[in-house]
Amino acid sequence: KVSTIPSKEKRKLILLNHIVKRFNPDKQYTEKEMNDVLKG
């Protein structure tokens, strides 16, 4: 986990670029499933 979400755009993009790898590109997620991954 991260302790804080960066406010600077470039840092936020780097974070999102990494986070998105936790999701399967061939799967559809419910909102609950999205939340469960992001809570991590």
ModelCIF file with pLDDT and N, C-alpha, C, O atoms, coordinates in Angstrom:
data_MODEL
#
_entry.id   MODEL 
#
_entity.id                         1 
_entity.type                       polymer 
_entity.pdbx_number_of_molecules   1 
#
_entity_poly.entity_id                      1 
_entity_poly.type                           'polypeptide(L)' 
_entity_poly.nstd_linkage                   no 
_entity_poly.nstd_monomer                   no 
_entity_poly.pdbx_seq_one_letter_code       KVSTIPSKEKRKLILLNHIVKRFNPDKQYTEKEMNDVLKG 
_entity_poly.pdbx_seq_one_letter_code_can   KVSTIPSKEKRKLILLNHIVKRFNPDKQYTEKEMNDVLKG 
_entity_poly.pdbx_strand_id                 A 
#
loop_
_entity_poly_seq.entity_id 
_entity_poly_seq.num 
_entity_poly_seq.mon_id 
_entity_poly_seq.hetero 
1 1  LYS n 
1 2  VAL n 
1 3  SER n 
1 4  THR n 
1 5  ILE n 
1 6  PRO n 
1 7  SER n 
1 8  LYS n 
1 9  GLU n 
1 10 LYS n 
1 11 ARG n 
1 12 LYS n 
1 13 LEU n 
1 14 ILE n 
1 15 LEU n 
1 16 LEU n 
1 17 ASN n 
1 18 HIS n 
1 19 ILE n 
1 20 VAL n 
1 21 LYS n 
1 22 ARG n 
1 23 PHE n 
1 24 ASN n 
1 25 PRO n 
1 26 ASP n 
1 27 LYS n 
1 28 GLN n 
1 29 TYR n 
1 30 THR n 
1 31 GLU n 
1 32 LYS n 
1 33 GLU n 
1 34 MET n 
1 35 ASN n 
1 36 ASP n 
1 37 VAL n 
1 38 LEU n 
1 39 LYS n 
1 40 GLY n 
#
_struct_asym.id          A 
_struct_asym.entity_id   1 
#
loop_
_ma_qa_metric.id 
_ma_qa_metric.mode 
_ma_qa_metric.name 
_ma_qa_metric.software_group_id 
_ma_qa_metric.type 
1 global pLDDT . pLDDT 
2 local  pLDDT . pLDDT 
#
_ma_qa_metric_global.metric_id      1 
_ma_qa_metric_global.metric_value   90.30 
_ma_qa_metric_global.model_id       1 
_ma_qa_metric_global.ordinal_id     1 
#
loop_
_ma_qa_metric_local.label_asym_id 
_ma_qa_metric_local.label_comp_id 
_ma_qa_metric_local.label_seq_id 
_ma_qa_metric_local.metric_id 
_ma_qa_metric_local.metric_value 
_ma_qa_metric_local.model_id 
_ma_qa_metric_local.ordinal_id 
A LYS 1  2 92.00 1 1  
A VAL 2  2 91.00 1 2  
A SER 3  2 85.00 1 3  
A THR 4  2 91.00 1 4  
A ILE 5  2 92.00 1 5  
A PRO 6  2 88.00 1 6  
A SER 7  2 87.00 1 7  
A LYS 8  2 87.00 1 8  
A GLU 9  2 84.00 1 9  
A LYS 10 2 84.00 1 10 
A ARG 11 2 88.00 1 11 
A LYS 12 2 88.00 1 12 
A LEU 13 2 87.00 1 13 
A ILE 14 2 86.00 1 14 
A LEU 15 2 90.00 1 15 
A LEU 16 2 90.00 1 16 
A ASN 17 2 88.00 1 17 
A HIS 18 2 90.00 1 18 
A ILE 19 2 91.00 1 19 
A VAL 20 2 90.00 1 20 
A LYS 21 2 90.00 1 21 
A ARG 22 2 93.00 1 22 
A PHE 23 2 93.00 1 23 
A ASN 24 2 91.00 1 24 
A PRO 25 2 85.00 1 25 
A ASP 26 2 85.00 1 26 
A LYS 27 2 89.00 1 27 
A GLN 28 2 90.00 1 28 
A TYR 29 2 93.00 1 29 
A THR 30 2 93.00 1 30 
A GLU 31 2 93.00 1 31 
A LYS 32 2 94.00 1 32 
A GLU 33 2 95.00 1 33 
A MET 34 2 93.00 1 34 
A ASN 35 2 94.00 1 35 
A ASP 36 2 95.00 1 36 
A VAL 37 2 95.00 1 37 
A LEU 38 2 95.00 1 38 
A LYS 39 2 94.00 1 39 
A GLY 40 2 93.00 1 40 
#
loop_
_atom_site.group_PDB 
_atom_site.id 
_atom_site.type_symbol 
_atom_site.label_atom_id 
_atom_site.label_alt_id 
_atom_site.label_comp_id 
_atom_site.label_asym_id 
_atom_site.label_entity_id 
_atom_site.label_seq_id 
_atom_site.pdbx_PDB_ins_code 
_atom_site.Cartn_x 
_atom_site.Cartn_y 
_atom_site.Cartn_z 
_atom_site.occupancy 
_atom_site.B_iso_or_equiv 
_atom_site.pdbx_formal_charge 
_atom_site.auth_seq_id 
_atom_site.auth_comp_id 
_atom_site.auth_asym_id 
_atom_site.auth_atom_id 
_atom_site.pdbx_PDB_model_num 
ATOM 1   N N  . LYS A 1 1  ? 0.833   -1.199  0.000   1.00 92.00 ? 1  LYS A N  1 
ATOM 2   C CA . LYS A 1 1  ? 0.000   0.000   0.000   1.00 92.00 ? 1  LYS A CA 1 
ATOM 3   C C  . LYS A 1 1  ? 0.867   1.248   0.000   1.00 92.00 ? 1  LYS A C  1 
ATOM 4   O O  . LYS A 1 1  ? 2.060   1.206   0.298   1.00 92.00 ? 1  LYS A O  1 
ATOM 5   N N  . VAL A 1 2  ? 0.217   2.377   -0.349  1.00 91.00 ? 2  VAL A N  1 
ATOM 6   C CA . VAL A 1 2  ? 0.879   3.680   -0.262  1.00 91.00 ? 2  VAL A CA 1 
ATOM 7   C C  . VAL A 1 2  ? 0.221   4.463   0.877   1.00 91.00 ? 2  VAL A C  1 
ATOM 8   O O  . VAL A 1 2  ? -0.963  4.300   1.170   1.00 91.00 ? 2  VAL A O  1 
ATOM 9   N N  . SER A 1 3  ? 1.029   5.315   1.505   1.00 85.00 ? 3  SER A N  1 
ATOM 10  C CA . SER A 1 3  ? 0.491   6.100   2.620   1.00 85.00 ? 3  SER A CA 1 
ATOM 11  C C  . SER A 1 3  ? -0.275  7.319   2.144   1.00 85.00 ? 3  SER A C  1 
ATOM 12  O O  . SER A 1 3  ? -1.131  7.842   2.858   1.00 85.00 ? 3  SER A O  1 
ATOM 13  N N  . THR A 1 4  ? 0.034   7.771   0.931   1.00 91.00 ? 4  THR A N  1 
ATOM 14  C CA . THR A 1 4  ? -0.641  8.953   0.389   1.00 91.00 ? 4  THR A CA 1 
ATOM 15  C C  . THR A 1 4  ? -0.710  8.870   -1.120  1.00 91.00 ? 4  THR A C  1 
ATOM 16  O O  . THR A 1 4  ? 0.127   8.227   -1.753  1.00 91.00 ? 4  THR A O  1 
ATOM 17  N N  . ILE A 1 5  ? -1.708  9.521   -1.696  1.00 92.00 ? 5  ILE A N  1 
ATOM 18  C CA . ILE A 1 5  ? -1.842  9.606   -3.151  1.00 92.00 ? 5  ILE A CA 1 
ATOM 19  C C  . ILE A 1 5  ? -1.213  10.927  -3.587  1.00 92.00 ? 5  ILE A C  1 
ATOM 20  O O  . ILE A 1 5  ? -1.634  11.980  -3.107  1.00 92.00 ? 5  ILE A O  1 
ATOM 21  N N  . PRO A 1 6  ? -0.226  10.912  -4.474  1.00 88.00 ? 6  PRO A N  1 
ATOM 22  C CA . PRO A 1 6  ? 0.447   12.163  -4.857  1.00 88.00 ? 6  PRO A CA 1 
ATOM 23  C C  . PRO A 1 6  ? -0.490  13.152  -5.535  1.00 88.00 ? 6  PRO A C  1 
ATOM 24  O O  . PRO A 1 6  ? -1.390  12.764  -6.281  1.00 88.00 ? 6  PRO A O  1 
ATOM 25  N N  . SER A 1 7  ? -0.266  14.428  -5.268  1.00 87.00 ? 7  SER A N  1 
ATOM 26  C CA . SER A 1 7  ? -1.078  15.473  -5.891  1.00 87.00 ? 7  SER A CA 1 
ATOM 27  C C  . SER A 1 7  ? -0.473  15.927  -7.217  1.00 87.00 ? 7  SER A C  1 
ATOM 28  O O  . SER A 1 7  ? -1.190  16.372  -8.113  1.00 87.00 ? 7  SER A O  1 
ATOM 29  N N  . LYS A 1 8  ? 0.859   15.812  -7.339  1.00 87.00 ? 8  LYS A N  1 
ATOM 30  C CA . LYS A 1 8  ? 1.502   16.206  -8.597  1.00 87.00 ? 8  LYS A CA 1 
ATOM 31  C C  . LYS A 1 8  ? 1.132   15.220  -9.703  1.00 87.00 ? 8  LYS A C  1 
ATOM 32  O O  . LYS A 1 8  ? 1.163   14.004  -9.515  1.00 87.00 ? 8  LYS A O  1 
ATOM 33  N N  . GLU A 1 9  ? 0.781   15.779  -10.858 1.00 84.00 ? 9  GLU A N  1 
ATOM 34  C CA . GLU A 1 9  ? 0.229   14.973  -11.948 1.00 84.00 ? 9  GLU A CA 1 
ATOM 35  C C  . GLU A 1 9  ? 1.163   13.859  -12.404 1.00 84.00 ? 9  GLU A C  1 
ATOM 36  O O  . GLU A 1 9  ? 0.736   12.716  -12.566 1.00 84.00 ? 9  GLU A O  1 
ATOM 37  N N  . LYS A 1 10 ? 2.430   14.185  -12.610 1.00 84.00 ? 10 LYS A N  1 
ATOM 38  C CA . LYS A 1 10 ? 3.350   13.174  -13.130 1.00 84.00 ? 10 LYS A CA 1 
ATOM 39  C C  . LYS A 1 10 ? 3.503   12.014  -12.152 1.00 84.00 ? 10 LYS A C  1 
ATOM 40  O O  . LYS A 1 10 ? 3.524   10.854  -12.562 1.00 84.00 ? 10 LYS A O  1 
ATOM 41  N N  . ARG A 1 11 ? 3.608   12.320  -10.880 1.00 88.00 ? 11 ARG A N  1 
ATOM 42  C CA . ARG A 1 11 ? 3.724   11.267  -9.876  1.00 88.00 ? 11 ARG A CA 1 
ATOM 43  C C  . ARG A 1 11 ? 2.451   10.434  -9.802  1.00 88.00 ? 11 ARG A C  1 
ATOM 44  O O  . ARG A 1 11 ? 2.497   9.218   -9.616  1.00 88.00 ? 11 ARG A O  1 
ATOM 45  N N  . LYS A 1 12 ? 1.316   11.109  -9.952  1.00 88.00 ? 12 LYS A N  1 
ATOM 46  C CA . LYS A 1 12 ? 0.041   10.391  -9.920  1.00 88.00 ? 12 LYS A CA 1 
ATOM 47  C C  . LYS A 1 12 ? -0.053  9.417   -11.098 1.00 88.00 ? 12 LYS A C  1 
ATOM 48  O O  . LYS A 1 12 ? -0.534  8.294   -10.944 1.00 88.00 ? 12 LYS A O  1 
ATOM 49  N N  . LEU A 1 13 ? 0.405   9.851   -12.266 1.00 87.00 ? 13 LEU A N  1 
ATOM 50  C CA . LEU A 1 13 ? 0.383   8.983   -13.447 1.00 87.00 ? 13 LEU A CA 1 
ATOM 51  C C  . LEU A 1 13 ? 1.292   7.776   -13.260 1.00 87.00 ? 13 LEU A C  1 
ATOM 52  O O  . LEU A 1 13 ? 0.945   6.661   -13.649 1.00 87.00 ? 13 LEU A O  1 
ATOM 53  N N  . ILE A 1 14 ? 2.448   8.003   -12.668 1.00 86.00 ? 14 ILE A N  1 
ATOM 54  C CA . ILE A 1 14 ? 3.358   6.878   -12.404 1.00 86.00 ? 14 ILE A CA 1 
ATOM 55  C C  . ILE A 1 14 ? 2.684   5.877   -11.473 1.00 86.00 ? 14 ILE A C  1 
ATOM 56  O O  . ILE A 1 14 ? 2.784   4.665   -11.666 1.00 86.00 ? 14 ILE A O  1 
ATOM 57  N N  . LEU A 1 15 ? 2.002   6.396   -10.471 1.00 90.00 ? 15 LEU A N  1 
ATOM 58  C CA . LEU A 1 15 ? 1.290   5.535   -9.526  1.00 90.00 ? 15 LEU A CA 1 
ATOM 59  C C  . LEU A 1 15 ? 0.188   4.744   -10.236 1.00 90.00 ? 15 LEU A C  1 
ATOM 60  O O  . LEU A 1 15 ? 0.067   3.534   -10.051 1.00 90.00 ? 15 LEU A O  1 
ATOM 61  N N  . LEU A 1 16 ? -0.606  5.432   -11.042 1.00 90.00 ? 16 LEU A N  1 
ATOM 62  C CA . LEU A 1 16 ? -1.706  4.771   -11.751 1.00 90.00 ? 16 LEU A CA 1 
ATOM 63  C C  . LEU A 1 16 ? -1.182  3.747   -12.748 1.00 90.00 ? 16 LEU A C  1 
ATOM 64  O O  . LEU A 1 16 ? -1.768  2.677   -12.908 1.00 90.00 ? 16 LEU A O  1 
ATOM 65  N N  . ASN A 1 17 ? -0.076  4.074   -13.420 1.00 88.00 ? 17 ASN A N  1 
ATOM 66  C CA . ASN A 1 17 ? 0.544   3.134   -14.352 1.00 88.00 ? 17 ASN A CA 1 
ATOM 67  C C  . ASN A 1 17 ? 0.889   1.823   -13.669 1.00 88.00 ? 17 ASN A C  1 
ATOM 68  O O  . ASN A 1 17 ? 0.787   0.749   -14.261 1.00 88.00 ? 17 ASN A O  1 
ATOM 69  N N  . HIS A 1 18 ? 1.293   1.930   -12.430 1.00 90.00 ? 18 HIS A N  1 
ATOM 70  C CA . HIS A 1 18 ? 1.660   0.726   -11.675 1.00 90.00 ? 18 HIS A CA 1 
ATOM 71  C C  . HIS A 1 18 ? 0.419   0.019   -11.130 1.00 90.00 ? 18 HIS A C  1 
ATOM 72  O O  . HIS A 1 18 ? 0.320   -1.206  -11.199 1.00 90.00 ? 18 HIS A O  1 
ATOM 73  N N  . ILE A 1 19 ? -0.508  0.777   -10.598 1.00 91.00 ? 19 ILE A N  1 
ATOM 74  C CA . ILE A 1 19 ? -1.713  0.189   -9.999  1.00 91.00 ? 19 ILE A CA 1 
ATOM 75  C C  . ILE A 1 19 ? -2.516  -0.610  -11.016 1.00 91.00 ? 19 ILE A C  1 
ATOM 76  O O  . ILE A 1 19 ? -3.042  -1.677  -10.698 1.00 91.00 ? 19 ILE A O  1 
ATOM 77  N N  . VAL A 1 20 ? -2.611  -0.094  -12.240 1.00 90.00 ? 20 VAL A N  1 
ATOM 78  C CA . VAL A 1 20 ? -3.474  -0.737  -13.240 1.00 90.00 ? 20 VAL A CA 1 
ATOM 79  C C  . VAL A 1 20 ? -2.999  -2.154  -13.565 1.00 90.00 ? 20 VAL A C  1 
ATOM 80  O O  . VAL A 1 20 ? -3.779  -2.969  -14.058 1.00 90.00 ? 20 VAL A O  1 
ATOM 81  N N  . LYS A 1 21 ? -1.720  -2.454  -13.291 1.00 90.00 ? 21 LYS A N  1 
ATOM 82  C CA . LYS A 1 21 ? -1.192  -3.793  -13.555 1.00 90.00 ? 21 LYS A CA 1 
ATOM 83  C C  . LYS A 1 21 ? -1.791  -4.844  -12.627 1.00 90.00 ? 21 LYS A C  1 
ATOM 84  O O  . LYS A 1 21 ? -1.642  -6.045  -12.855 1.00 90.00 ? 21 LYS A O  1 
ATOM 85  N N  . ARG A 1 22 ? -2.467  -4.382  -11.583 1.00 93.00 ? 22 ARG A N  1 
ATOM 86  C CA . ARG A 1 22 ? -3.098  -5.325  -10.651 1.00 93.00 ? 22 ARG A CA 1 
ATOM 87  C C  . ARG A 1 22 ? -4.425  -5.867  -11.198 1.00 93.00 ? 22 ARG A C  1 
ATOM 88  O O  . ARG A 1 22 ? -5.043  -6.743  -10.593 1.00 93.00 ? 22 ARG A O  1 
ATOM 89  N N  . PHE A 1 23 ? -4.848  -5.341  -12.334 1.00 93.00 ? 23 PHE A N  1 
ATOM 90  C CA . PHE A 1 23 ? -6.120  -5.750  -12.931 1.00 93.00 ? 23 PHE A CA 1 
ATOM 91  C C  . PHE A 1 23 ? -5.886  -6.564  -14.197 1.00 93.00 ? 23 PHE A C  1 
ATOM 92  O O  . PHE A 1 23 ? -4.983  -6.275  -14.982 1.00 93.00 ? 23 PHE A O  1 
ATOM 93  N N  . ASN A 1 24 ? -6.707  -7.577  -14.377 1.00 91.00 ? 24 ASN A N  1 
ATOM 94  C CA . ASN A 1 24 ? -6.654  -8.423  -15.562 1.00 91.00 ? 24 ASN A CA 1 
ATOM 95  C C  . ASN A 1 24 ? -7.289  -7.689  -16.750 1.00 91.00 ? 24 ASN A C  1 
ATOM 96  O O  . ASN A 1 24 ? -8.455  -7.301  -16.670 1.00 91.00 ? 24 ASN A O  1 
ATOM 97  N N  . PRO A 1 25 ? -6.549  -7.489  -17.849 1.00 85.00 ? 25 PRO A N  1 
ATOM 98  C CA . PRO A 1 25 ? -7.107  -6.746  -18.989 1.00 85.00 ? 25 PRO A CA 1 
ATOM 99  C C  . PRO A 1 25 ? -8.243  -7.475  -19.701 1.00 85.00 ? 25 PRO A C  1 
ATOM 100 O O  . PRO A 1 25 ? -8.975  -6.864  -20.479 1.00 85.00 ? 25 PRO A O  1 
ATOM 101 N N  . ASP A 1 26 ? -8.396  -8.768  -19.447 1.00 85.00 ? 26 ASP A N  1 
ATOM 102 C CA . ASP A 1 26 ? -9.444  -9.557  -20.114 1.00 85.00 ? 26 ASP A CA 1 
ATOM 103 C C  . ASP A 1 26 ? -10.655 -9.809  -19.225 1.00 85.00 ? 26 ASP A C  1 
ATOM 104 O O  . ASP A 1 26 ? -11.524 -10.617 -19.551 1.00 85.00 ? 26 ASP A O  1 
ATOM 105 N N  . LYS A 1 27 ? -10.700 -9.101  -18.093 1.00 89.00 ? 27 LYS A N  1 
ATOM 106 C CA . LYS A 1 27 ? -11.802 -9.327  -17.161 1.00 89.00 ? 27 LYS A CA 1 
ATOM 107 C C  . LYS A 1 27 ? -12.627 -8.068  -16.965 1.00 89.00 ? 27 LYS A C  1 
ATOM 108 O O  . LYS A 1 27 ? -12.098 -6.957  -16.998 1.00 89.00 ? 27 LYS A O  1 
ATOM 109 N N  . GLN A 1 28 ? -13.921 -8.247  -16.762 1.00 90.00 ? 28 GLN A N  1 
ATOM 110 C CA . GLN A 1 28 ? -14.789 -7.146  -16.366 1.00 90.00 ? 28 GLN A CA 1 
ATOM 111 C C  . GLN A 1 28 ? -14.998 -7.218  -14.865 1.00 90.00 ? 28 GLN A C  1 
ATOM 112 O O  . GLN A 1 28 ? -15.234 -8.292  -14.311 1.00 90.00 ? 28 GLN A O  1 
ATOM 113 N N  . TYR A 1 29 ? -14.908 -6.062  -14.207 1.00 93.00 ? 29 TYR A N  1 
ATOM 114 C CA . TYR A 1 29 ? -14.991 -6.005  -12.753 1.00 93.00 ? 29 TYR A CA 1 
ATOM 115 C C  . TYR A 1 29 ? -16.267 -5.295  -12.317 1.00 93.00 ? 29 TYR A C  1 
ATOM 116 O O  . TYR A 1 29 ? -16.690 -4.315  -12.930 1.00 93.00 ? 29 TYR A O  1 
ATOM 117 N N  . THR A 1 30 ? -16.864 -5.802  -11.258 1.00 93.00 ? 30 THR A N  1 
ATOM 118 C CA . THR A 1 30 ? -17.943 -5.048  -10.618 1.00 93.00 ? 30 THR A CA 1 
ATOM 119 C C  . THR A 1 30 ? -17.296 -3.927  -9.801  1.00 93.00 ? 30 THR A C  1 
ATOM 120 O O  . THR A 1 30 ? -16.083 -3.929  -9.590  1.00 93.00 ? 30 THR A O  1 
ATOM 121 N N  . GLU A 1 31 ? -18.108 -2.971  -9.343  1.00 93.00 ? 31 GLU A N  1 
ATOM 122 C CA . GLU A 1 31 ? -17.556 -1.889  -8.528  1.00 93.00 ? 31 GLU A CA 1 
ATOM 123 C C  . GLU A 1 31 ? -16.942 -2.449  -7.241  1.00 93.00 ? 31 GLU A C  1 
ATOM 124 O O  . GLU A 1 31 ? -15.900 -1.971  -6.793  1.00 93.00 ? 31 GLU A O  1 
ATOM 125 N N  . LYS A 1 32 ? -17.575 -3.442  -6.660  1.00 94.00 ? 32 LYS A N  1 
ATOM 126 C CA . LYS A 1 32 ? -17.051 -4.052  -5.431  1.00 94.00 ? 32 LYS A CA 1 
ATOM 127 C C  . LYS A 1 32 ? -15.696 -4.705  -5.685  1.00 94.00 ? 32 LYS A C  1 
ATOM 128 O O  . LYS A 1 32 ? -14.780 -4.582  -4.872  1.00 94.00 ? 32 LYS A O  1 
ATOM 129 N N  . GLU A 1 33 ? -15.572 -5.396  -6.813  1.00 95.00 ? 33 GLU A N  1 
ATOM 130 C CA . GLU A 1 33 ? -14.301 -6.039  -7.148  1.00 95.00 ? 33 GLU A CA 1 
ATOM 131 C C  . GLU A 1 33 ? -13.213 -5.000  -7.377  1.00 95.00 ? 33 GLU A C  1 
ATOM 132 O O  . GLU A 1 33 ? -12.071 -5.192  -6.960  1.00 95.00 ? 33 GLU A O  1 
ATOM 133 N N  . MET A 1 34 ? -13.566 -3.885  -8.048  1.00 93.00 ? 34 MET A N  1 
ATOM 134 C CA . MET A 1 34 ? -12.612 -2.784  -8.230  1.00 93.00 ? 34 MET A CA 1 
ATOM 135 C C  . MET A 1 34 ? -12.156 -2.279  -6.871  1.00 93.00 ? 34 MET A C  1 
ATOM 136 O O  . MET A 1 34 ? -10.961 -2.113  -6.626  1.00 93.00 ? 34 MET A O  1 
ATOM 137 N N  . ASN A 1 35 ? -13.117 -2.037  -5.992  1.00 94.00 ? 35 ASN A N  1 
ATOM 138 C CA . ASN A 1 35 ? -12.800 -1.505  -4.665  1.00 94.00 ? 35 ASN A CA 1 
ATOM 139 C C  . ASN A 1 35 ? -11.902 -2.457  -3.870  1.00 94.00 ? 35 ASN A C  1 
ATOM 140 O O  . ASN A 1 35 ? -10.977 -2.021  -3.184  1.00 94.00 ? 35 ASN A O  1 
ATOM 141 N N  . ASP A 1 36 ? -12.181 -3.750  -3.969  1.00 95.00 ? 36 ASP A N  1 
ATOM 142 C CA . ASP A 1 36 ? -11.399 -4.735  -3.219  1.00 95.00 ? 36 ASP A CA 1 
ATOM 143 C C  . ASP A 1 36 ? -9.924  -4.696  -3.632  1.00 95.00 ? 36 ASP A C  1 
ATOM 144 O O  . ASP A 1 36 ? -9.031  -4.811  -2.793  1.00 95.00 ? 36 ASP A O  1 
ATOM 145 N N  . VAL A 1 37 ? -9.683  -4.534  -4.937  1.00 95.00 ? 37 VAL A N  1 
ATOM 146 C CA . VAL A 1 37 ? -8.293  -4.453  -5.416  1.00 95.00 ? 37 VAL A CA 1 
ATOM 147 C C  . VAL A 1 37 ? -7.648  -3.155  -4.949  1.00 95.00 ? 37 VAL A C  1 
ATOM 148 O O  . VAL A 1 37 ? -6.512  -3.155  -4.477  1.00 95.00 ? 37 VAL A O  1 
ATOM 149 N N  . LEU A 1 38 ? -8.379  -2.043  -5.082  1.00 95.00 ? 38 LEU A N  1 
ATOM 150 C CA . LEU A 1 38 ? -7.826  -0.726  -4.768  1.00 95.00 ? 38 LEU A CA 1 
ATOM 151 C C  . LEU A 1 38 ? -7.627  -0.514  -3.267  1.00 95.00 ? 38 LEU A C  1 
ATOM 152 O O  . LEU A 1 38 ? -6.776  0.278   -2.863  1.00 95.00 ? 38 LEU A O  1 
ATOM 153 N N  . LYS A 1 39 ? -8.406  -1.217  -2.436  1.00 94.00 ? 39 LYS A N  1 
ATOM 154 C CA . LYS A 1 39 ? -8.194  -1.126  -0.985  1.00 94.00 ? 39 LYS A CA 1 
ATOM 155 C C  . LYS A 1 39 ? -6.808  -1.641  -0.607  1.00 94.00 ? 39 LYS A C  1 
ATOM 156 O O  . LYS A 1 39 ? -6.266  -1.286  0.440   1.00 94.00 ? 39 LYS A O  1 
ATOM 157 N N  . GLY A 1 40 ? -6.243  -2.482  -1.473  1.00 93.00 ? 40 GLY A N  1 
ATOM 158 C CA . GLY A 1 40 ? -4.895  -2.982  -1.233  1.00 93.00 ? 40 GLY A CA 1 
ATOM 159 C C  . GLY A 1 40 ? -3.821  -1.983  -1.591  1.00 93.00 ? 40 GLY A C  1 
ATOM 160 O O  . GLY A 1 40 ? -2.634  -2.272  -1.439  1.00 93.00 ? 40 GLY A O  1 
#
